Amino acid sequence: MLASGSGGPEIGARLNWEAVCAYLDRVSANDVIEEIRQLTPSEQAEVIRFAYRLDAERRLSGKELGALAQQMIDASDPIEKLKIREEMTRGFYGGKTDA
């Protein structure tokens, strides 16, 4: 579990990555979500910041980029097309839109 004293790694503490990987092998996404719900609001905010940072840095797969390209083609609103294009750029470069 993610909460302090629950047998899993603690949020905010220095983590042993082997322990983290071993722990994550035993839990599902639903388990993680349930643990996040039990965190204090400040700890939830830390998790949210991490998730946004991870999303911004993550490169998309070819399949994901292709799906976004199709959404851009199908979109009729120019603003929506621009948003999808920006998402594709971020996904291709891993968050570096000025590359």
Protein backbone atom coordinates (compact mmCIF):
# COMPACT_ATOMS: atom_id res chain seq x y z
CA MET A 1 0.00 0.00 0.00
CA LEU A 2 1.13 3.57 -0.49
CA ALA A 3 0.07 4.99 2.86
CA SER A 4 2.61 5.26 5.64
CA GLY A 5 2.79 2.16 7.83
CA SER A 6 0.72 0.06 5.47
CA GLY A 7 3.54 -2.20 4.28
CA GLY A 8 4.42 -0.33 1.10
CA PRO A 9 6.68 2.54 0.10
CA GLU A 10 5.90 5.90 1.68
CA ILE A 11 5.07 8.91 -0.46
CA GLY A 12 7.70 11.62 -0.23
CA ALA A 13 10.34 9.30 1.26
CA ARG A 14 13.45 8.21 -0.60
CA LEU A 15 12.42 4.97 -2.26
CA ASN A 16 14.30 1.79 -2.93
CA TRP A 17 13.31 1.15 -6.55
CA GLU A 18 13.56 -2.63 -6.18
CA ALA A 19 11.08 -2.44 -3.30
CA VAL A 20 8.80 -0.18 -5.33
CA CYS A 21 8.85 -2.56 -8.31
CA ALA A 22 8.20 -5.58 -6.09
CA TYR A 23 5.32 -3.72 -4.45
CA LEU A 24 3.79 -2.64 -7.75
CA ASP A 25 3.88 -6.22 -9.00
CA ARG A 26 1.41 -7.05 -6.22
CA VAL A 27 -1.13 -4.24 -6.75
CA SER A 28 -3.53 -3.23 -9.48
CA ALA A 29 -4.35 0.25 -10.74
CA ASN A 30 -7.58 0.06 -8.75
CA ASP A 31 -5.56 -0.64 -5.59
CA VAL A 32 -3.41 2.42 -6.25
CA ILE A 33 -6.47 4.60 -6.91
CA GLU A 34 -8.07 3.43 -3.66
CA GLU A 35 -4.88 4.24 -1.77
CA ILE A 36 -4.78 7.72 -3.33
CA ARG A 37 -8.34 8.32 -2.13
CA GLN A 38 -7.19 7.59 1.43
CA LEU A 39 -4.33 10.13 1.36
CA THR A 40 -4.55 13.55 2.93
CA PRO A 41 -5.45 16.41 0.56
CA SER A 42 -1.83 17.61 0.50
CA GLU A 43 -0.57 14.11 -0.35
CA GLN A 44 -3.25 13.82 -3.05
CA ALA A 45 -2.04 17.13 -4.48
CA GLU A 46 1.51 15.73 -4.60
CA VAL A 47 0.25 12.66 -6.49
CA ILE A 48 -1.69 14.89 -8.91
CA ARG A 49 1.39 17.05 -9.58
CA PHE A 50 3.40 13.88 -10.22
CA ALA A 51 0.74 12.54 -12.62
CA TYR A 52 0.67 15.81 -14.59
CA ARG A 53 4.47 15.90 -14.75
CA LEU A 54 4.59 12.27 -15.86
CA ASP A 55 1.95 12.90 -18.53
CA ALA A 56 3.81 15.97 -19.81
CA GLU A 57 7.11 14.07 -20.05
CA ARG A 58 5.77 10.84 -21.52
CA ARG A 59 6.28 10.11 -25.18
CA LEU A 60 3.31 8.60 -27.00
CA SER A 61 3.52 5.35 -28.92
CA GLY A 62 3.07 5.26 -32.68
CA LYS A 63 -0.40 3.83 -32.20
CA GLU A 64 -1.35 6.66 -29.80
CA LEU A 65 0.05 9.29 -32.18
CA GLY A 66 -1.85 7.72 -35.07
CA ALA A 67 -5.11 7.82 -33.09
CA LEU A 68 -4.53 11.49 -32.30
CA ALA A 69 -3.78 12.21 -35.97
CA GLN A 70 -7.10 10.62 -36.92
CA GLN A 71 -8.89 12.69 -34.26
CA MET A 72 -7.29 15.81 -35.71
CA ILE A 73 -8.42 14.87 -39.22
CA ASP A 74 -11.95 14.17 -37.99
CA ALA A 75 -12.25 17.34 -35.89
CA SER A 76 -14.24 20.15 -37.48
CA ASP A 77 -13.36 22.86 -34.95
CA PRO A 78 -10.04 24.61 -35.75
CA ILE A 79 -9.36 25.18 -32.04
CA GLU A 80 -9.84 21.47 -31.33
CA LYS A 81 -7.47 20.66 -34.20
CA LEU A 82 -4.86 22.99 -32.67
CA LYS A 83 -5.24 21.38 -29.22
CA ILE A 84 -4.79 17.91 -30.72
CA ARG A 85 -1.77 19.09 -32.71
CA GLU A 86 -0.18 20.46 -29.52
CA GLU A 87 -0.90 17.17 -27.75
CA MET A 88 0.72 15.26 -30.64
CA THR A 89 3.79 17.49 -30.52
CA ARG A 90 4.12 17.07 -26.75
CA GLY A 91 3.59 13.32 -27.13
CA PHE A 92 6.19 13.01 -29.88
CA TYR A 93 8.90 15.02 -28.13
CA GLY A 94 7.99 14.02 -24.58
CA GLY A 95 6.87 17.45 -23.42
CA LYS A 96 9.40 19.56 -25.33
CA THR A 97 7.06 21.56 -27.59
CA ASP A 98 9.88 23.94 -28.59
CA ALA A 99 12.05 21.19 -30.08
